[in-house]
Each structure stands twice: as C-alpha cells, then as structure tokens.
Protein backbone atom coordinates (compact mmCIF):
# COMPACT_ATOMS: atom_id res chain seq x y z
CA MET A 1 59.66 58.86 30.83
CA ASN A 2 59.14 58.36 34.63
CA ALA A 3 62.04 56.35 36.13
CA ALA A 4 60.42 55.82 39.43
CA PRO A 5 59.05 52.14 38.46
CA TRP A 6 62.76 51.56 37.14
CA ARG A 7 64.03 52.58 40.74
CA ASP A 8 61.24 50.69 42.52
CA GLU A 9 62.06 47.33 40.72
CA ALA A 10 65.99 48.00 41.27
CA LYS A 11 65.29 48.46 44.92
CA ARG A 12 63.28 45.39 45.12
CA ALA A 13 65.76 43.22 43.42
CA LEU A 14 68.88 44.38 45.52
CA ALA A 15 67.21 43.91 48.79
CA PRO A 16 70.03 42.18 51.16
CA ARG A 17 67.28 39.73 52.33
CA LEU A 18 66.43 38.71 48.51
CA LEU A 19 70.25 38.50 47.53
CA LEU A 20 70.94 36.02 50.49
CA ALA A 21 67.88 33.92 49.34
CA ALA A 22 69.41 33.95 45.86
CA ILE A 23 72.75 32.45 46.89
CA ALA A 24 70.75 29.92 49.11
CA VAL A 25 68.29 29.11 46.16
CA GLY A 26 71.18 28.71 43.56
CA ALA A 27 73.15 26.28 45.79
CA ALA A 28 70.09 24.13 46.53
CA SER A 29 69.37 24.20 42.88
CA GLY A 30 72.89 23.12 42.23
CA VAL A 31 72.60 20.33 44.34
CA ALA A 32 69.19 19.09 42.71
CA GLY A 33 70.85 19.42 39.42
CA VAL A 34 73.73 17.25 40.48
CA ALA A 35 71.60 14.72 41.99
CA PHE A 36 69.14 14.44 38.82
CA ARG A 37 72.47 13.92 36.63
CA LEU A 38 73.76 11.22 38.87
CA ALA A 39 70.14 9.59 38.97
CA LEU A 40 69.91 9.49 35.32
CA ASN A 41 73.41 7.95 34.95
CA GLY A 42 72.15 5.44 37.56
CA VAL A 43 69.21 4.44 35.25
CA GLN A 44 71.38 4.40 32.08
CA TRP A 45 73.84 1.80 34.01
CA LEU A 46 70.59 -0.37 35.06
CA ALA A 47 69.21 -0.30 31.36
CA PHE A 48 72.35 -0.73 29.41
CA GLY A 49 74.92 -2.03 31.63
CA ALA A 50 76.97 1.45 30.80
CA GLY A 51 76.19 5.11 31.22
CA GLY A 52 77.34 8.52 31.71
CA GLU A 53 78.66 11.12 29.35
CA MET A 54 80.62 8.61 27.04
CA LEU A 55 77.38 6.34 26.64
CA LEU A 56 78.34 5.76 22.78
CA THR A 57 81.54 4.21 23.64
CA ALA A 58 80.29 2.03 26.15
CA LEU A 59 77.44 0.90 23.91
CA ALA A 60 80.05 -0.85 21.72
CA GLY A 61 80.05 -3.72 24.15
CA VAL A 62 76.56 -3.77 24.64
CA PRO A 63 74.23 -6.64 22.73
CA ALA A 64 71.85 -5.26 20.01
CA TRP A 65 68.92 -6.69 21.69
CA ARG A 66 69.39 -4.58 24.87
CA ILE A 67 70.15 -1.55 22.85
CA ALA A 68 66.89 -2.13 20.97
CA LEU A 69 64.66 -3.17 24.05
CA ALA A 70 65.95 -0.89 26.77
CA PRO A 71 64.04 2.22 25.53
CA ALA A 72 60.88 0.18 25.02
CA LEU A 73 60.95 -1.57 28.44
CA GLY A 74 61.63 1.88 29.60
CA GLY A 75 58.72 3.66 27.86
CA LEU A 76 56.50 1.01 29.48
CA ALA A 77 57.87 1.73 32.91
CA VAL A 78 57.63 5.73 32.28
CA GLY A 79 54.04 5.08 31.02
CA LEU A 80 52.83 2.74 33.94
CA TYR A 81 54.59 5.15 36.48
CA PHE A 82 52.24 7.97 35.09
CA HIS A 83 49.30 5.99 35.01
CA PHE A 84 49.53 4.96 38.89
CA VAL A 85 51.28 7.76 40.33
CA LEU A 86 50.22 10.85 38.43
CA PRO A 87 47.01 9.64 36.73
CA GLY A 88 45.60 12.17 34.04
CA ARG A 89 48.51 14.55 34.63
CA ARG A 90 50.80 15.72 31.91
CA LEU A 91 54.61 16.08 32.49
CA LEU A 92 55.62 19.72 33.42
CA GLY A 93 58.56 21.42 31.88
CA PRO A 94 59.95 25.16 31.43
CA ALA A 95 56.72 26.37 29.53
CA ASP A 96 54.99 25.56 33.21
CA VAL A 97 57.83 27.60 34.84
CA ILE A 98 57.23 30.41 32.67
CA GLU A 99 53.46 30.10 33.31
CA GLY A 100 53.91 29.96 36.92
CA VAL A 101 56.13 33.17 36.82
CA TRP A 102 53.74 35.17 34.74
CA ARG A 103 50.28 33.90 35.57
CA HIS A 104 50.61 32.36 39.15
CA GLY A 105 52.86 34.77 40.97
CA GLY A 106 55.86 32.43 40.95
CA VAL A 107 53.93 29.71 42.37
CA LEU A 108 55.12 26.13 40.98
CA PRO A 109 53.73 22.56 42.30
CA VAL A 110 56.70 21.29 44.03
CA ARG A 111 55.43 17.91 44.79
CA ARG A 112 54.42 17.38 41.29
CA THR A 113 57.73 18.50 40.14
CA LEU A 114 59.51 16.05 42.18
CA LEU A 115 57.31 13.06 41.18
CA GLY A 116 57.87 14.23 37.35
CA ALA A 117 61.83 14.12 37.86
CA VAL A 118 61.58 10.68 38.55
CA ALA A 119 59.75 9.99 35.13
CA ASN A 120 62.25 12.57 33.55
CA ALA A 121 65.28 10.61 34.93
CA LEU A 122 63.74 7.36 33.86
CA SER A 123 63.11 8.73 30.24
CA LEU A 124 66.80 10.00 29.73
CA GLY A 125 68.35 6.72 31.32
CA VAL A 126 66.64 4.37 29.08
CA GLY A 127 67.66 6.37 26.21
CA ALA A 128 64.75 8.66 25.03
CA SER A 129 65.80 11.21 22.58
CA VAL A 130 65.21 14.01 25.15
CA GLY A 131 67.39 16.57 26.87
CA ARG A 132 68.07 17.09 30.42
CA GLU A 133 67.83 21.06 30.62
CA GLY A 134 63.98 20.66 30.88
CA PRO A 135 63.74 18.57 33.95
CA ILE A 136 66.51 20.76 35.57
CA VAL A 137 64.90 23.96 34.57
CA LEU A 138 61.77 22.81 36.34
CA LEU A 139 63.45 21.38 39.37
CA GLY A 140 65.29 24.66 40.09
CA GLY A 141 62.05 26.81 39.33
CA ALA A 142 60.27 24.66 41.97
CA LEU A 143 62.80 24.75 44.45
CA GLY A 144 63.21 28.62 44.33
CA SER A 145 59.25 28.74 44.33
CA GLY A 146 59.14 26.36 47.49
CA LEU A 147 61.96 27.99 49.36
CA GLY A 148 60.67 31.35 48.68
CA ALA A 149 56.96 30.58 49.70
CA LEU A 150 58.46 29.26 53.07
CA ALA A 151 60.31 32.31 53.64
CA LYS A 152 57.37 34.26 52.94
CA PHE A 153 58.30 36.42 50.10
CA ALA A 154 56.15 38.45 48.17
CA ALA A 155 54.99 37.48 44.54
CA ALA A 156 57.26 39.83 42.82
CA GLU A 157 60.24 38.41 44.87
CA LEU A 158 59.13 34.88 44.47
CA ARG A 159 59.12 35.22 40.57
CA LEU A 160 63.07 36.51 40.74
CA LEU A 161 63.60 33.36 43.11
CA VAL A 162 62.05 30.81 40.67
CA ALA A 163 64.53 32.57 38.04
CA CYS A 164 67.34 32.31 40.51
CA GLY A 165 66.56 28.66 40.91
CA VAL A 166 66.69 28.07 37.21
CA ALA A 167 70.10 29.78 37.10
CA GLY A 168 71.54 27.68 39.60
CA CYS A 169 70.54 24.49 38.10
CA VAL A 170 71.61 25.30 34.59
CA ALA A 171 74.96 26.71 36.00
CA ALA A 172 75.71 23.30 37.80
CA SER A 173 74.71 20.96 35.17
CA PHE A 174 76.36 22.67 32.24
CA ASN A 175 79.40 24.63 34.10
CA ALA A 176 78.02 27.75 32.38
CA PRO A 177 78.09 30.57 35.09
CA LEU A 178 78.20 33.32 32.43
CA ALA A 179 75.15 32.03 30.35
CA ALA A 180 72.99 30.83 33.44
CA PRO A 181 71.76 34.43 34.53
CA ILE A 182 71.13 35.57 31.08
CA PHE A 183 69.32 32.10 30.26
CA ALA A 184 67.07 32.88 32.98
CA LEU A 185 66.31 36.15 32.01
CA GLU A 186 65.76 35.21 28.41
CA VAL A 187 63.67 32.24 29.00
CA VAL A 188 61.84 32.36 32.17
CA LEU A 189 61.32 36.21 32.79
CA LEU A 190 61.24 36.86 29.19
CA THR A 191 63.17 40.10 29.59
CA TYR A 192 66.61 41.89 29.02
CA ARG A 193 65.84 44.46 32.03
CA PRO A 194 68.81 44.54 34.48
CA ALA A 195 67.56 44.73 37.73
CA PRO A 196 67.23 40.91 38.42
CA LEU A 197 70.78 40.53 37.37
CA ALA A 198 72.72 40.54 40.50
CA ALA A 199 70.37 38.16 42.18
CA LEU A 200 70.73 35.72 39.38
CA ALA A 201 74.50 36.30 39.10
CA LEU A 202 74.81 35.28 42.69
CA ALA A 203 72.66 32.20 42.27
CA SER A 204 74.43 31.40 39.48
CA VAL A 205 77.88 31.43 41.02
CA ALA A 206 76.34 29.31 44.02
CA GLY A 207 75.24 26.90 41.51
CA THR A 208 78.57 26.80 39.70
CA LEU A 209 80.75 25.99 43.05
CA VAL A 210 78.40 23.00 43.79
CA GLY A 211 78.59 21.58 40.30
CA ARG A 212 82.57 22.18 39.80
CA ALA A 213 82.74 20.53 43.39
CA CYS A 214 81.09 17.24 42.01
CA PHE A 215 82.10 17.19 38.51
CA GLY A 216 85.15 19.51 38.22
CA SER A 217 85.58 22.69 35.99
CA ALA A 218 86.53 21.22 32.81
CA PRO A 219 84.16 22.37 29.84
CA LEU A 220 81.63 19.95 28.21
CA PHE A 221 82.84 19.75 24.85
CA PRO A 222 86.59 21.33 24.60
CA LEU A 223 87.77 22.00 21.03
CA PRO A 224 90.92 23.21 19.30
CA ALA A 225 91.28 26.60 18.57
CA HIS A 226 88.94 27.04 15.72
CA GLY A 227 88.74 30.47 13.81
CA PHE A 228 87.05 32.08 10.57
CA PRO A 229 89.98 32.10 8.42
CA ALA A 230 88.38 32.86 5.05
CA PRO A 231 86.24 35.96 4.33
CA ILE A 232 83.43 33.40 2.94
CA ASP A 233 82.85 32.06 6.43
CA TYR A 234 80.69 35.04 7.68
CA PRO A 235 78.10 34.89 4.99
CA ALA A 236 78.32 31.07 5.15
CA ALA A 237 77.37 31.29 8.70
CA ALA A 238 74.44 33.62 7.84
CA LEU A 239 73.26 30.66 5.37
CA LEU A 240 73.75 28.14 8.26
CA GLY A 241 71.53 30.30 10.32
CA ALA A 242 68.70 29.91 8.00
CA ALA A 243 69.35 25.98 7.67
CA ALA A 244 69.40 25.96 11.22
CA ALA A 245 66.13 27.79 11.48
CA ALA A 246 64.57 25.39 9.13
CA ALA A 247 65.64 22.57 11.32
CA ALA A 248 64.65 24.10 14.46
CA LEU A 249 61.07 24.88 13.05
CA ALA A 250 61.15 20.99 11.76
CA MET A 251 61.99 19.85 15.08
CA MET A 252 59.33 21.90 17.02
CA ALA A 253 56.53 21.12 14.39
CA GLY A 254 57.52 17.18 14.47
CA ILE A 255 57.09 17.21 18.25
CA PHE A 256 53.78 19.01 18.31
CA LYS A 257 52.50 16.84 15.35
CA ALA A 258 53.46 13.62 17.05
CA GLY A 259 51.96 14.69 20.25
CA ASP A 260 48.67 15.28 18.16
CA VAL A 261 48.92 12.00 16.56
CA ASN A 262 49.47 10.39 20.07
CA GLY A 263 46.26 12.11 21.27
CA ARG A 264 44.07 10.85 18.36
CA LEU A 265 45.45 7.23 18.90
CA GLY A 266 43.38 4.80 21.00
CA GLY A 267 44.82 2.61 23.68
CA PRO A 268 46.37 3.09 26.94
CA GLN A 269 49.14 5.75 27.14
CA TRP A 270 51.65 3.41 28.91
CA LEU A 271 51.48 1.12 25.72
CA LYS A 272 52.06 3.98 23.24
CA THR A 273 54.94 5.39 25.05
CA GLY A 274 56.39 1.82 25.17
CA ALA A 275 55.94 1.67 21.18
CA ALA A 276 57.57 4.80 20.92
CA GLY A 277 60.57 3.33 22.97
CA LEU A 278 60.87 0.50 20.73
CA ALA A 279 61.01 2.72 17.57
CA VAL A 280 63.80 4.76 19.21
CA GLY A 281 65.86 1.56 20.04
CA ILE A 282 65.28 0.15 16.57
CA LEU A 283 66.62 3.48 15.14
CA ALA A 284 69.61 3.48 17.55
CA LEU A 285 70.69 0.04 16.02
CA TRP A 286 71.66 2.16 12.93
CA VAL A 287 72.17 5.50 14.57
CA PRO A 288 73.04 5.17 17.97
CA GLN A 289 73.82 9.06 18.39
CA VAL A 290 69.84 9.34 18.74
CA LEU A 291 69.99 8.01 22.37
CA SER A 292 69.50 10.07 25.24
CA TYR A 293 70.79 13.50 25.70
CA GLY A 294 73.59 12.92 23.16
CA GLN A 295 76.61 14.62 24.90
CA GLU A 296 79.32 12.39 23.36
CA ALA A 297 77.42 12.54 19.97
CA THR A 298 77.59 16.31 20.06
CA HIS A 299 81.27 16.67 20.94
CA ALA A 300 82.08 14.02 18.12
CA ALA A 301 80.59 16.02 15.48
CA MET A 302 82.40 19.11 16.75
CA LEU A 303 85.45 17.28 16.71
CA ASP A 304 84.71 16.18 13.06
CA ARG A 305 84.42 12.46 13.63
CA TYR A 306 81.78 11.81 11.21
CA GLY A 307 81.58 11.87 7.80
CA LEU A 308 79.22 13.93 5.59
CA ALA A 309 76.80 11.16 4.68
CA PHE A 310 76.46 10.03 8.52
CA LEU A 311 76.08 13.50 9.69
CA LEU A 312 73.10 13.82 7.27
CA ALA A 313 71.66 10.42 8.83
CA ILE A 314 71.93 11.99 12.50
CA VAL A 315 70.13 15.01 11.43
CA ALA A 316 67.00 12.93 10.03
CA ALA A 317 67.43 10.19 12.93
CA LYS A 318 67.37 12.67 15.70
CA LEU A 319 64.45 14.63 14.22
CA ALA A 320 62.37 11.59 14.16
CA ALA A 321 63.54 10.20 17.45
CA THR A 322 62.99 13.26 19.38
CA ALA A 323 59.35 13.76 17.57
CA VAL A 324 58.40 10.45 18.85
CA SER A 325 59.92 10.53 22.34
CA LEU A 326 58.52 13.84 23.48
CA GLY A 327 55.19 13.32 21.38
CA PHE A 328 54.44 10.15 22.97
CA GLY A 329 54.93 10.73 26.42
CA PHE A 330 58.56 10.45 27.40
CA GLY A 331 59.70 13.33 29.81
CA GLY A 332 62.72 15.56 29.00
CA GLY A 333 63.97 18.72 27.56
CA VAL A 334 64.53 20.19 23.80
CA PHE A 335 68.04 21.84 24.46
CA SER A 336 70.21 18.48 24.36
CA PRO A 337 68.31 17.24 21.19
CA SER A 338 68.79 20.53 19.67
CA LEU A 339 72.59 20.54 20.35
CA VAL A 340 72.87 17.16 18.56
CA LEU A 341 70.71 18.14 15.71
CA GLY A 342 72.64 21.51 15.39
CA SER A 343 75.97 19.97 15.56
CA ALA A 344 75.47 17.26 12.96
CA LEU A 345 73.79 19.84 10.55
CA GLY A 346 76.49 22.48 11.05
CA GLY A 347 79.20 19.52 10.44
CA ALA A 348 77.39 18.60 7.38
CA PHE A 349 77.47 22.25 6.28
CA GLY A 350 81.19 22.41 6.86
CA HIS A 351 82.03 19.52 4.85
CA GLY A 352 79.75 20.86 2.05
CA LEU A 353 81.57 24.07 2.13
CA ALA A 354 84.96 22.53 2.12
CA LEU A 355 84.21 20.73 -1.32
CA ILE A 356 83.39 24.17 -2.54
CA VAL A 357 85.72 26.72 -0.72
CA PRO A 358 89.10 25.11 0.15
CA GLY A 359 90.35 27.14 3.22
CA ALA A 360 87.30 27.70 4.84
CA ALA A 361 86.59 27.11 8.51
CA ALA A 362 86.80 23.54 9.70
CA PRO A 363 83.69 21.35 9.78
CA GLY A 364 83.70 21.09 13.40
CA ALA A 365 83.74 24.93 13.76
CA TYR A 366 80.65 24.94 11.79
CA ALA A 367 79.24 22.19 14.16
CA ALA A 368 79.65 24.16 16.96
CA ILE A 369 77.99 27.43 15.30
CA GLY A 370 75.14 25.00 14.03
CA ALA A 371 74.58 23.75 17.57
CA ALA A 372 74.07 27.51 18.91
CA ALA A 373 71.91 28.22 15.90
CA VAL A 374 69.29 25.60 16.11
CA SER A 375 69.10 25.68 19.91
CA ALA A 376 68.76 29.64 20.27
CA PRO A 377 65.46 29.64 18.39
CA VAL A 378 64.18 26.70 20.09
CA LEU A 379 64.92 28.31 23.54
CA GLY A 380 63.98 31.61 22.60
CA ALA A 381 67.37 32.43 24.24
CA PRO A 382 69.94 33.89 21.53
CA VAL A 383 72.48 35.55 24.01
CA SER A 384 72.54 32.83 26.62
CA THR A 385 72.59 30.32 23.86
CA VAL A 386 75.78 31.74 22.38
CA LEU A 387 77.23 32.16 25.62
CA ILE A 388 76.43 28.78 26.82
CA VAL A 389 78.01 27.14 23.78
CA LEU A 390 81.09 29.22 24.10
CA GLU A 391 81.48 28.10 27.64
CA MET A 392 80.92 24.59 27.00
CA THR A 393 83.25 24.65 24.11
CA GLU A 394 85.84 27.40 25.02
CA ALA A 395 86.06 28.28 21.33
CA TRP A 396 85.88 31.99 21.86
CA ARG A 397 87.41 32.82 18.67
CA LEU A 398 83.91 31.35 17.11
CA ALA A 399 81.83 34.16 18.61
CA PRO A 400 81.40 36.42 15.81
CA GLY A 401 80.56 33.83 13.10
CA MET A 402 78.30 31.89 15.81
CA ALA A 403 76.32 35.44 16.49
CA VAL A 404 75.67 35.80 13.06
CA ALA A 405 73.98 32.39 12.41
CA VAL A 406 72.22 32.77 15.91
CA LEU A 407 70.69 35.99 14.84
CA VAL A 408 69.64 34.71 11.55
CA ALA A 409 68.09 31.61 12.81
CA THR A 410 66.28 33.56 15.85
CA ALA A 411 65.00 36.13 13.61
CA ILE A 412 63.48 33.69 10.99
CA CYS A 413 61.84 31.55 13.61
CA ARG A 414 60.44 34.56 15.60
CA LYS A 415 58.87 35.68 12.40
CA MET A 416 57.28 32.01 11.89
CA ILE A 417 56.12 30.96 15.39
CA GLY A 418 57.00 33.69 17.76
CA ARG A 419 59.57 33.53 20.65
CA SER A 420 60.36 29.97 21.51
CA PHE A 421 59.12 26.45 21.54
CA PHE A 422 58.00 27.21 25.27
CA THR A 423 55.90 30.01 24.30
CA TRP A 424 54.64 28.03 21.44
CA GLN A 425 53.50 25.42 24.01
CA LEU A 426 51.61 27.86 25.97
CA GLN A 427 50.07 29.46 22.92
CA ARG A 428 48.58 26.01 22.11
CA ARG A 429 47.19 25.91 25.54
CA GLY A 430 45.72 29.49 25.41
CA VAL A 431 47.99 31.00 28.01
CA VAL A 432 49.55 34.21 27.56
CA ALA A 433 53.41 34.15 27.91
CA GLY A 434 54.74 37.72 29.53
CA PRO A 435 52.46 40.62 30.32
CA THR A 436 48.79 40.52 29.15
CA PRO A 437 47.27 43.37 27.28
CA HIS A 438 45.91 44.79 30.86
CA GLU A 439 49.44 44.65 32.24
CA ARG A 440 50.83 46.45 29.61
CA SER A 441 48.13 49.04 30.08
CA VAL A 442 49.48 49.69 33.52
CA ARG A 443 52.99 49.58 32.36
CA VAL A 444 54.07 46.17 33.74
CA GLU A 445 56.93 45.16 31.65
CA GLY A 446 59.08 43.13 34.18
CA PRO A 447 58.31 40.56 36.80
CA LEU A 448 59.23 42.63 39.45
CA GLY A 449 57.35 45.83 38.16
CA PRO A 450 55.17 47.41 40.82
CA ALA A 451 51.92 46.85 39.24
CA HIS A 452 52.35 43.26 38.87
CA GLU A 453 51.35 42.39 42.28
CA ASN A 454 47.86 42.70 41.40
CA ALA A 455 47.65 41.39 37.79
CA PRO A 456 44.87 39.24 36.97
CA ASP A 457 45.35 35.25 36.60
CA SER A 458 44.37 34.84 33.05
CA SER A 459 45.27 31.07 32.62
CA PRO A 460 42.67 28.61 31.76
CA ALA A 461 44.85 25.93 33.43
CA ARG A 462 44.68 26.73 36.79
CA GLY A 463 43.01 23.83 37.64
CA GLU A 464 45.71 21.62 36.40
CA ARG A 465 48.16 22.84 39.01
C-alpha cells in the first residue's frame, strides 16, 4: 500500500499555522457556544418567568396557562421571524455542516447561520422539544469556515477548521474535552483517520477552557458510583441496545413523517409552527419533561426519581413532542431529545429488570446507558457518544455495559437507515455524504486527502446556500 497520501495528509494537519488557527477557532467557537446557551436561557426567562438547567423545578410556580401558551406564542414568533428575515429558506443544521465539508470545500453560509441561531434560541427558549447541540454544531462549523476563509486557508485545511469549530463548541457546551474531537471526526469528517486529531484536540481544549471559565467544571449529570454487579447485566445491556435502536428509529422516522405532513398541509408556515407549539405546550401540562432540551429531566431519570409508568409516559410524550417540534418548523438539534428519550427508556427498562432479577444494576445506571444507546445511532457517533455520556455523568464504571448497548443499537440502525439522522437527511435531499464514487476512484478517503482539492461538487442544493 502506498503510504505517501497518508504522510501528505498528516503533514497538512500538523502545519504550525493550521494548529494555531485550530486553537483560535476552538476558543471563538467556545465563546459562541457560551453566548448561545446564555441567549436561550434569557428567552426562557421571558417565556416562562424561569429558566436555566433547572427549568422543571422552576416551572412548579408557573401558571398552567403560561406553560401551555409560551410554546404556541413562541412558535408564532419563530414562524414570523423566518417569514420576514429568511423568507423561503429552511433552518440549517449539522447535515449542512457535513454537506459543506464534503461537497462545498468547507464553505458554510456564515450570515445565514447567525440569523438562524436567533430562531434556534427562540425555539429552545419557548420550550420546543429540540436540542441545543444542532445549533452549536452549526455555529462552530460556520465560525471555523468563516475564520479559515479570512485567513485564506485552502479547501483541505478549511474542512478541518470547520471540524475544529464543531469540536470547540461541543467541548464548551457539554464540558466534554475528550469526546468533542472524536465527535467532530465521527459526525463531521465521517472518518476515524488519526491525522486531524491534533488540531481537533487543541480546538477542544480551547473551547473547554472558555466553557469552564463561564460555567465551571462540574459535570452536567453527576451520578453515584454505579456498577454492573450481576452477570445478567451484560446481556440485559444488549437487549436495552435493541430497544434503544427501535426508539431511535421511531424518533428519526417521526421527525421526517411530521415534516412530510407539514409540507402537505396548506396555510402559512408561521401559523403551523404556532399550532405545533400549542400542541407541545398542552402536552407539557401533563408531562413537562418534554419542554426544551430537558437537561433536568435527563438527570432526574438517571437519578431514578421517576416510576416505571411515568418513564414510559415520558418516552411516548417525548417522541411525539420532538416529531411535532422539528417537523413543523422549530429549530434545534436531536441530541438532547435523544438523551431524554434514552434515559427514560433505560430507566423503565431498569425498573422492569429489577422486578425479574433482584440484584441487577440500578435503574439509574440503565438510564445512563439508555441515553447513550439512543443518542449514538441518531448522531452516527458511537465512540464519542459513549465518551460524552461518561464525561457528563462521570460514571466510568458503566463504560463496558454502555459500550455493549451502543454497539447493538448502532449496528441495528446502520443496517436499517445508514450512518445517522444527518446522513439520512442528506440522502432525502439527494446529497452524497462522504466521498463520492469518483472520489473513491482517486482514493480520497479523508477530508485532507490530496486528491480532494479537485473533487467535483455533486450537490443539487448549491443554490440554497
């Protein structure tokens, strides 16, 4: 095998100018991630009179009418914002970052991304059942693209700087310095090749320092010292992985189905988004865990604060609320909803197992495993999802069981729909994610591959950018 392309790729990725740019992009993206988090918390205070990571607790003192109407009025605001500010455009997301890397030489629409971030912050702030990782992936990628273009980097280096922006933003937002570089590899660069890791790691460290300076270094979901005490727990984790695959497929298919229904319905889009918000608000009167990115709900499930019946109610309600929110025009990501869905599913599984096998691992342990097992196939990122959940919980003793569940869930979903929710989105648009057949014929396997400079733009959606 000819090692020259590998050496050339490594040489590009380790250039001092590129590594310095990676640090700058990581820090800038970390600032953007912090700003976005503060902005959506501010919108929550305006919408509910309460906000932040403890939104559920704060809602105890909020009138029911406000909980129901805030998402509805917020949906109208999001829809009207799009109607007047971005007419005829759709919200961008991680799929567009992947497309920008592989089909457009690392070029992302910075202005459109910043305008879309306003709609994303509004969506999360008013309680739509969406995640914050999608907007920050896009923000980080666009910053990497814009700063790299200003510094006049070539297309190959620009692609890597997009991924560095993603790593910096994810690290700052989730306090996950280990997972963020692997996340950028798996989700954006669609590879496990080691050449980009140095730049991605530097960007992740820079983003982490920014995030910790603003929010501290405490994990998002600190858990007690769970372990897997019984032999039955490992095959049980595999069974949970199969159930998680079904939940992940249901969530992804539900989002696409809701979007198709939205497209067939008549009437102005802003009115349909408002109606979707009203549906989410009414559902939240019974299951408030469906609101927004659900950090407190995820943590409560991992701490075993919900009973079996209510956990199953959260599963059903979160599937419905996420499909309606993302299918009918709200902006946001899919990682946080999948964490809520997976933790509720895993907790319910753990409660059921405890009825059959006394001495099995605690339901909270299965909640953490379920969160990773649902999220991994949705993101197409099995390695980084295990890492990020372990970093967010510090439950490192669960790593073997979590890996089993994630492996099973990922294998099933890849057999059914391909790599991830984002590549499924691109397939529905007719866009090739990763190397095209032409690029494979000239042995372009990584985004820094020497032949990739002249790869053709195969995207039919170029005009949308």
